Amino acid sequence: MSNMSNMSDNDNGVGGLGWFLAGLGVGALVGVLYAPKAGREMRDDIVSSAMDAKEKASALAQQGKARASELAEQGKQQVGEYVDRGKEYYDRGRTQWAEYVEKGKGLVQEQQDKVAAAVDAGKEAYTSATQAGKDAYSNATQNTGNVGKA
C-alpha cells in the first residue's frame, strides 16, 4: 500500500476551506470569461463575484470561529467536571481513610484494655495464690508446733 493521500483524505477545516475558496474562484472566473458580455459589464461581474466570494469566506471563517469557541467551551466544561469528580473521589477516599484510622485506634485501645485487664487479673491471682500459700504455711507451722505441745 502507498502512503499517498488524496484530497478526500485531507479532512481538516483549513485545507477544506482553502479548496472551497479555490474552487469558488475558479468557477467564478470561468463563468465570467465564457459569458458573452461587454468589458465594463464583465469587470463589474468579476468584482461582484470577488465580493461574493469574500463575503462567503468571511461567513465561513465566522462559523469556524464560532465552532472553535463552542468546542473550547465544551472542553472547559468537561475539564471542570473531571476536576470536580477528582475532588469528590479524593474527599471520599480521605474520609474513608480517616474512618479506618479511627477504627484502628479503637481496636488498638480495646486490645490494650484487654491486655491490661488480663495483667491485672494475673496479678490478683498471683497475689491471692501467694497469700493463700502463706496462710496455709502459717497454719501448717502452727499446727505442727501445737502437735508437740499436746
Foldseek 3Di string as FASTA:
>chain_A
DDPDDDPVVPPDDVSVLVVVLVVLLVVQVVVLVPDPDDPVVSVVSNVVSVVVSVVVSVVVVVVVVVVVVVVVVVVVVVVVVVVVVVVVVVVVVVVVVVVVVVVVVVVVVVVVVVVVVVVVVVVVVVVVVVVVVVVVVVVVVVVVVVVVVD
